[in-house]
Amino acid sequence: MVTVLVNKNNEEIKLLGHAGFNIKGKDIVCSAISSIVITTVNGILMFDKDNIKYQENDNEFIIKVKKNNEITSNLIANMLNLLKELESDYPNNIKIKEEIR
């Protein structure tokens, strides 16, 4: 299962794990998550390369918002809405947890 941890106070989003819908390379849920997240990151970076910082490891992707403006905020909100829609369709493969610290 992919767990999406959203920490609104320090504006950090972590995606951990693998969806497990199918084997790696044939997993449509992981593919959808990757497409949503990478498209969002690329869109934000198009406007200002200093708005976010991201880090990718084997089963972990972390996005840190460094400059929050209307464009970044809207693109992140859109990304989270798309991930929530995916969560409603595939509840055994993606879980979103919002943390307020």
C-alpha atoms as a PDB file:
ATOM      1  CA  MET A   1       0.000   0.000   0.000  1.00  0.00           C
ATOM      2  CA  VAL A   2       1.126   3.545  -0.748  1.00  0.00           C
ATOM      3  CA  THR A   3       0.746   5.798   2.259  1.00  0.00           C
ATOM      4  CA  VAL A   4       0.544   9.530   1.597  1.00  0.00           C
ATOM      5  CA  LEU A   5       1.433  11.573   4.679  1.00  0.00           C
ATOM      6  CA  VAL A   6       0.401  15.208   4.420  1.00  0.00           C
ATOM      7  CA  ASN A   7       1.789  17.541   7.072  1.00  0.00           C
ATOM      8  CA  LYS A   8       0.172  20.920   6.568  1.00  0.00           C
ATOM      9  CA  ASN A   9       2.206  22.865   9.146  1.00  0.00           C
ATOM     10  CA  ASN A  10       5.621  22.310   7.611  1.00  0.00           C
ATOM     11  CA  GLU A  11       4.085  21.745   4.191  1.00  0.00           C
ATOM     12  CA  GLU A  12       5.611  18.354   3.574  1.00  0.00           C
ATOM     13  CA  ILE A  13       4.094  15.466   1.651  1.00  0.00           C
ATOM     14  CA  LYS A  14       5.590  11.984   1.865  1.00  0.00           C
ATOM     15  CA  LEU A  15       4.612   9.064  -0.318  1.00  0.00           C
ATOM     16  CA  LEU A  16       5.786   5.744   1.090  1.00  0.00           C
ATOM     17  CA  GLY A  17       5.585   2.190  -0.173  1.00  0.00           C
ATOM     18  CA  HIS A  18       4.222   0.386  -3.198  1.00  0.00           C
ATOM     19  CA  ALA A  19       0.522   0.045  -4.068  1.00  0.00           C
ATOM     20  CA  GLY A  20       0.629  -3.726  -4.457  1.00  0.00           C
ATOM     21  CA  PHE A  21      -2.191  -3.782  -7.011  1.00  0.00           C
ATOM     22  CA  ASN A  22       0.033  -5.766  -9.368  1.00  0.00           C
ATOM     23  CA  ILE A  23       3.715  -6.589  -9.776  1.00  0.00           C
ATOM     24  CA  LYS A  24       6.193  -3.739 -10.107  1.00  0.00           C
ATOM     25  CA  GLY A  25       6.085  -2.388 -13.641  1.00  0.00           C
ATOM     26  CA  LYS A  26       2.466  -3.474 -14.200  1.00  0.00           C
ATOM     27  CA  ASP A  27       0.813  -1.722 -11.268  1.00  0.00           C
ATOM     28  CA  ILE A  28      -1.792   0.739 -12.581  1.00  0.00           C
ATOM     29  CA  VAL A  29      -2.278   2.322  -9.149  1.00  0.00           C
ATOM     30  CA  CYS A  30       1.438   3.069  -8.744  1.00  0.00           C
ATOM     31  CA  SER A  31       1.491   4.353 -12.306  1.00  0.00           C
ATOM     32  CA  ALA A  32      -1.432   6.690 -11.626  1.00  0.00           C
ATOM     33  CA  ILE A  33       0.144   7.956  -8.391  1.00  0.00           C
ATOM     34  CA  SER A  34       3.474   8.565 -10.125  1.00  0.00           C
ATOM     35  CA  SER A  35       1.811  10.409 -13.000  1.00  0.00           C
ATOM     36  CA  ILE A  36      -0.181  12.643 -10.670  1.00  0.00           C
ATOM     37  CA  VAL A  37       2.773  13.482  -8.433  1.00  0.00           C
ATOM     38  CA  ILE A  38       5.433  13.972 -11.138  1.00  0.00           C
ATOM     39  CA  THR A  39       3.093  16.116 -13.263  1.00  0.00           C
ATOM     40  CA  THR A  40       2.377  18.301 -10.216  1.00  0.00           C
ATOM     41  CA  VAL A  41       6.057  18.638  -9.290  1.00  0.00           C
ATOM     42  CA  ASN A  42       7.003  19.507 -12.875  1.00  0.00           C
ATOM     43  CA  GLY A  43       4.177  22.055 -13.092  1.00  0.00           C
ATOM     44  CA  ILE A  44       5.309  23.810  -9.920  1.00  0.00           C
ATOM     45  CA  LEU A  45       8.958  23.800 -11.027  1.00  0.00           C
ATOM     46  CA  MET A  46       7.948  25.368 -14.350  1.00  0.00           C
ATOM     47  CA  PHE A  47       6.778  28.483 -12.514  1.00  0.00           C
ATOM     48  CA  ASP A  48       9.595  28.751  -9.977  1.00  0.00           C
ATOM     49  CA  LYS A  49      12.330  26.216  -9.300  1.00  0.00           C
ATOM     50  CA  ASP A  50      12.628  27.502  -5.716  1.00  0.00           C
ATOM     51  CA  ASN A  51       8.991  26.871  -4.706  1.00  0.00           C
ATOM     52  CA  ILE A  52       9.519  23.240  -3.755  1.00  0.00           C
ATOM     53  CA  LYS A  53      12.239  20.757  -3.010  1.00  0.00           C
ATOM     54  CA  TYR A  54      11.718  17.071  -3.673  1.00  0.00           C
ATOM     55  CA  GLN A  55      13.611  13.903  -2.947  1.00  0.00           C
ATOM     56  CA  GLU A  56      13.116  10.443  -4.379  1.00  0.00           C
ATOM     57  CA  ASN A  57      14.417   7.194  -2.943  1.00  0.00           C
ATOM     58  CA  ASP A  58      13.477   3.584  -3.638  1.00  0.00           C
ATOM     59  CA  ASN A  59       9.990   3.496  -2.074  1.00  0.00           C
ATOM     60  CA  GLU A  60       9.769   7.073  -0.839  1.00  0.00           C
ATOM     61  CA  PHE A  61       9.021  10.423  -2.484  1.00  0.00           C
ATOM     62  CA  ILE A  62       9.095  13.603  -0.404  1.00  0.00           C
ATOM     63  CA  ILE A  63       7.877  17.043  -1.451  1.00  0.00           C
ATOM     64  CA  LYS A  64       8.693  20.074   0.696  1.00  0.00           C
ATOM     65  CA  VAL A  65       7.021  23.374  -0.105  1.00  0.00           C
ATOM     66  CA  LYS A  66       9.565  26.155   0.365  1.00  0.00           C
ATOM     67  CA  LYS A  67       7.564  29.091  -1.051  1.00  0.00           C
ATOM     68  CA  ASN A  68       3.829  28.862  -0.824  1.00  0.00           C
ATOM     69  CA  ASN A  69       1.992  30.998  -3.342  1.00  0.00           C
ATOM     70  CA  GLU A  70      -1.338  30.706  -5.130  1.00  0.00           C
ATOM     71  CA  ILE A  71      -0.025  28.590  -8.014  1.00  0.00           C
ATOM     72  CA  THR A  72       1.856  26.162  -5.780  1.00  0.00           C
ATOM     73  CA  SER A  73      -1.040  25.938  -3.353  1.00  0.00           C
ATOM     74  CA  ASN A  74      -3.550  25.241  -6.134  1.00  0.00           C
ATOM     75  CA  LEU A  75      -1.380  22.615  -7.812  1.00  0.00           C
ATOM     76  CA  ILE A  76      -0.739  20.813  -4.503  1.00  0.00           C
ATOM     77  CA  ALA A  77      -4.473  20.938  -3.669  1.00  0.00           C
ATOM     78  CA  ASN A  78      -5.277  19.514  -7.112  1.00  0.00           C
ATOM     79  CA  MET A  79      -2.705  16.737  -6.625  1.00  0.00           C
ATOM     80  CA  LEU A  80      -4.207  15.810  -3.253  1.00  0.00           C
ATOM     81  CA  ASN A  81      -7.739  15.828  -4.688  1.00  0.00           C
ATOM     82  CA  LEU A  82      -6.669  13.473  -7.484  1.00  0.00           C
ATOM     83  CA  LEU A  83      -4.928  11.175  -4.976  1.00  0.00           C
ATOM     84  CA  LYS A  84      -8.073  11.176  -2.784  1.00  0.00           C
ATOM     85  CA  GLU A  85     -10.151  10.195  -5.799  1.00  0.00           C
ATOM     86  CA  LEU A  86      -7.728   7.352  -6.477  1.00  0.00           C
ATOM     87  CA  GLU A  87      -7.951   6.355  -2.798  1.00  0.00           C
ATOM     88  CA  SER A  88     -11.735   6.083  -3.064  1.00  0.00           C
ATOM     89  CA  ASP A  89     -11.389   3.791  -6.093  1.00  0.00           C
ATOM     90  CA  TYR A  90      -8.514   1.700  -4.659  1.00  0.00           C
ATOM     91  CA  PRO A  91      -8.813   1.802  -0.837  1.00  0.00           C
ATOM     92  CA  ASN A  92      -6.613  -1.297  -0.432  1.00  0.00           C
ATOM     93  CA  ASN A  93      -3.749   0.262  -2.369  1.00  0.00           C
ATOM     94  CA  ILE A  94      -3.493   3.926  -1.316  1.00  0.00           C
ATOM     95  CA  LYS A  95      -4.189   5.640   2.004  1.00  0.00           C
ATOM     96  CA  ILE A  96      -3.961   9.384   2.645  1.00  0.00           C
ATOM     97  CA  LYS A  97      -3.281  10.591   6.160  1.00  0.00           C
ATOM     98  CA  GLU A  98      -3.359  14.283   6.995  1.00  0.00           C
ATOM     99  CA  GLU A  99      -1.315  15.262  10.023  1.00  0.00           C
ATOM    100  CA  ILE A 100      -1.463  18.612  11.771  1.00  0.00           C
ATOM    101  CA  ARG A 101       1.544  19.294  13.968  1.00  0.00           C
END
